[in-house]
N, C-alpha and C. Protein backbone atom coordinates (compact mmCIF):
# COMPACT_ATOMS: atom_id res chain seq x y z
N UNK A 1 68.70 135.23 63.29
CA UNK A 1 69.32 135.73 64.61
C UNK A 1 70.20 137.05 64.35
N UNK A 2 69.72 138.05 65.19
CA UNK A 2 70.51 139.34 65.05
C UNK A 2 71.40 139.82 66.40
N UNK A 3 72.30 140.18 66.14
CA UNK A 3 73.27 140.49 67.41
C UNK A 3 73.83 141.94 67.00
N UNK A 4 73.65 142.80 67.91
CA UNK A 4 73.94 144.11 67.74
C UNK A 4 74.67 144.87 68.81
N UNK A 5 75.60 145.66 68.79
CA UNK A 5 76.29 146.45 69.83
C UNK A 5 75.38 147.77 70.24
N UNK A 6 74.60 147.95 71.33
CA UNK A 6 73.86 148.83 71.39
C UNK A 6 74.71 150.17 71.77
N UNK A 7 74.34 151.28 71.06
CA UNK A 7 74.71 152.64 71.33
C UNK A 7 73.85 153.41 72.51
N UNK A 8 73.04 152.56 72.99
CA UNK A 8 72.46 153.11 74.05
C UNK A 8 71.10 153.90 73.72
N UNK A 9 70.74 153.82 72.34
CA UNK A 9 69.88 154.80 71.78
C UNK A 9 68.76 154.00 70.90
N UNK A 10 67.69 154.30 70.30
CA UNK A 10 66.85 153.68 69.69
C UNK A 10 67.45 153.07 68.41
N UNK A 11 66.90 152.28 67.67
CA UNK A 11 67.76 151.69 66.38
C UNK A 11 67.86 152.97 65.55
N UNK A 12 66.89 153.85 65.32
CA UNK A 12 67.17 154.71 64.15
C UNK A 12 68.15 155.97 64.89
N UNK A 13 68.15 156.02 66.20
CA UNK A 13 69.25 156.70 66.95
C UNK A 13 68.92 158.10 66.90
N UNK A 14 69.78 158.68 67.91
CA UNK A 14 69.55 160.35 67.66
C UNK A 14 70.73 160.81 67.06
N UNK A 15 70.31 162.10 66.30
CA UNK A 15 71.29 162.41 65.59
C UNK A 15 71.97 161.54 64.47
N UNK A 16 71.32 160.66 64.07
CA UNK A 16 71.72 159.73 62.73
C UNK A 16 72.48 158.74 63.43
N UNK A 17 72.81 158.34 64.73
CA UNK A 17 73.65 157.01 65.06
C UNK A 17 72.65 156.06 65.04
N UNK A 18 73.39 154.88 65.16
CA UNK A 18 72.73 153.79 64.95
C UNK A 18 73.39 152.64 65.60
N UNK A 19 72.87 151.58 66.06
CA UNK A 19 73.48 150.54 66.70
C UNK A 19 74.11 149.85 65.73
N UNK A 20 75.55 149.27 66.14
CA UNK A 20 76.22 148.64 65.30
C UNK A 20 75.85 147.24 65.05
N UNK A 21 75.53 146.55 63.86
CA UNK A 21 74.92 145.38 63.60
C UNK A 21 76.29 144.37 63.57
N UNK A 22 76.59 143.53 64.54
CA UNK A 22 77.67 142.49 64.52
C UNK A 22 77.06 141.30 63.66
N UNK A 23 76.09 141.03 63.39
CA UNK A 23 75.49 139.79 62.84
C UNK A 23 74.30 139.36 62.45
N UNK A 24 73.77 139.21 61.38
CA UNK A 24 72.43 138.78 61.11
C UNK A 24 72.76 137.57 60.09
N UNK A 25 72.11 136.55 60.64
CA UNK A 25 71.95 135.24 59.95
C UNK A 25 70.80 134.82 60.06
N UNK A 26 70.24 133.98 59.12
CA UNK A 26 69.25 132.86 58.99
C UNK A 26 69.42 131.50 59.27
N UNK A 27 69.11 131.27 60.33
CA UNK A 27 69.57 129.70 60.57
C UNK A 27 68.17 128.68 61.04
N UNK A 28 68.59 127.72 60.28
CA UNK A 28 67.49 126.75 60.58
C UNK A 28 67.59 126.01 61.85
N UNK A 29 66.46 125.72 62.48
CA UNK A 29 66.54 124.94 63.92
C UNK A 29 66.92 123.72 63.63
N UNK A 30 66.65 122.96 62.63
CA UNK A 30 67.20 121.61 62.25
C UNK A 30 68.77 121.62 62.25
N UNK A 31 69.31 122.42 61.68
CA UNK A 31 70.92 122.52 61.48
C UNK A 31 71.38 122.70 63.13
N UNK A 32 70.78 123.33 63.90
CA UNK A 32 71.41 123.42 65.42
C UNK A 32 71.16 122.36 66.27
N UNK A 33 70.34 121.01 65.83
CA UNK A 33 70.03 120.01 66.66
C UNK A 33 71.21 118.79 66.49
N UNK A 34 72.15 119.09 65.69
CA UNK A 34 73.24 117.93 65.68
C UNK A 34 73.93 117.96 66.70
N UNK A 35 74.30 116.68 67.24
CA UNK A 35 74.99 116.47 68.58
C UNK A 35 76.00 117.24 68.90
N UNK A 36 76.91 118.00 68.09
CA UNK A 36 77.99 118.92 68.46
C UNK A 36 77.37 120.26 68.22
N UNK A 37 76.03 120.66 67.53
CA UNK A 37 75.60 122.14 67.63
C UNK A 37 75.99 122.79 66.25
N UNK A 38 76.08 123.82 65.81
CA UNK A 38 76.36 124.55 64.68
C UNK A 38 77.30 125.53 65.24
N UNK A 39 78.34 125.80 64.72
CA UNK A 39 78.99 127.28 64.71
C UNK A 39 78.58 128.23 63.57
N UNK A 40 78.14 129.29 63.77
CA UNK A 40 77.81 130.19 62.99
C UNK A 40 78.58 131.41 63.04
N UNK A 41 79.20 131.59 61.72
CA UNK A 41 80.13 133.10 61.59
C UNK A 41 78.88 134.15 61.60
N UNK A 42 79.19 135.42 62.22
CA UNK A 42 78.23 136.44 62.03
C UNK A 42 79.08 137.39 61.41
N UNK A 43 78.68 137.84 60.06
CA UNK A 43 79.38 139.14 59.71
C UNK A 43 79.18 140.57 59.96
N UNK A 44 80.04 141.21 59.94
CA UNK A 44 79.82 142.60 60.22
C UNK A 44 78.99 143.32 59.19
N UNK A 45 77.96 144.22 59.49
CA UNK A 45 77.27 144.96 58.52
C UNK A 45 77.76 146.44 58.82
N UNK A 46 77.40 147.15 57.74
CA UNK A 46 77.89 148.80 57.57
C UNK A 46 76.56 149.22 58.39
N UNK A 47 76.60 150.53 58.81
CA UNK A 47 75.91 151.16 59.51
C UNK A 47 75.03 152.30 58.55
N UNK A 48 75.30 152.26 57.16
CA UNK A 48 74.61 153.23 56.21
C UNK A 48 73.34 152.55 56.07
N UNK A 49 72.52 153.36 55.27
CA UNK A 49 71.12 152.60 54.84
C UNK A 49 71.22 152.69 53.42
N UNK A 50 71.10 151.54 52.72
CA UNK A 50 70.69 150.16 53.46
C UNK A 50 71.93 149.61 54.15
N UNK A 51 71.77 148.87 55.17
CA UNK A 51 73.07 147.87 55.78
C UNK A 51 73.44 147.11 54.72
N UNK A 52 74.86 147.07 54.72
CA UNK A 52 75.38 146.24 53.69
C UNK A 52 76.25 145.01 54.44
N UNK A 53 76.28 143.94 54.07
CA UNK A 53 77.03 142.82 54.98
C UNK A 53 78.62 142.88 54.39
N UNK A 54 79.45 142.99 55.00
CA UNK A 54 80.75 142.71 54.52
C UNK A 54 81.34 141.22 54.50
N UNK A 55 82.62 141.29 54.33
CA UNK A 55 83.27 139.81 54.20
C UNK A 55 83.89 139.67 55.59
N UNK A 56 84.01 140.73 56.41
CA UNK A 56 84.72 140.52 57.84
C UNK A 56 83.62 139.80 58.83
N UNK A 57 84.43 138.82 59.61
CA UNK A 57 83.45 138.23 60.65
C UNK A 57 83.64 138.81 61.74
N UNK A 58 82.66 139.21 62.49
CA UNK A 58 82.53 140.01 63.78
C UNK A 58 82.68 138.90 64.90
N UNK A 59 82.01 137.87 64.88
CA UNK A 59 82.10 136.84 65.89
C UNK A 59 81.73 135.18 65.44
N UNK A 60 81.89 134.39 66.21
CA UNK A 60 81.31 133.24 65.95
C UNK A 60 80.47 132.72 67.26
N UNK A 61 79.17 132.38 66.86
CA UNK A 61 78.35 131.69 67.95
C UNK A 61 78.14 130.28 67.66
N UNK A 62 78.17 129.42 68.86
CA UNK A 62 77.88 128.00 68.86
C UNK A 62 76.52 127.97 68.91
N UNK A 63 75.83 127.30 68.03
CA UNK A 63 74.22 127.02 68.73
C UNK A 63 73.91 125.62 68.60
N UNK A 64 73.07 125.33 69.57
CA UNK A 64 72.79 123.77 70.00
C UNK A 64 71.65 123.94 70.47
N UNK A 65 70.51 123.23 70.04
CA UNK A 65 69.08 123.15 70.75
C UNK A 65 68.80 121.61 70.86
N UNK A 66 67.70 121.59 71.44
CA UNK A 66 67.04 120.15 72.00
C UNK A 66 67.36 119.91 73.20
N UNK A 67 66.95 118.70 73.75
CA UNK A 67 66.61 118.62 75.17
C UNK A 67 67.97 118.47 75.91
N UNK A 68 69.11 118.25 75.15
CA UNK A 68 70.45 118.09 75.63
C UNK A 68 71.15 119.19 75.34
N UNK A 69 70.85 120.57 75.25
CA UNK A 69 71.64 121.49 74.81
C UNK A 69 72.78 122.08 75.75
N UNK A 70 73.41 121.40 76.52
CA UNK A 70 74.25 121.80 77.55
C UNK A 70 75.68 121.97 76.89
């Protein structure tokens, strides 16, 4: 799952601007099928090339899949 804050431009951006990646995590569907779902921390990435993951958590997302994902 990839979550980013859009700068309103394409990924490569105009004049070197790039969208800010707020999180990029690999999540197994089976992990999200638990009755309480799964809380996933998304770490901030740098905007440099290549992007580097930082230790700073940008946001938390609760994921829950299945037939009763309410």
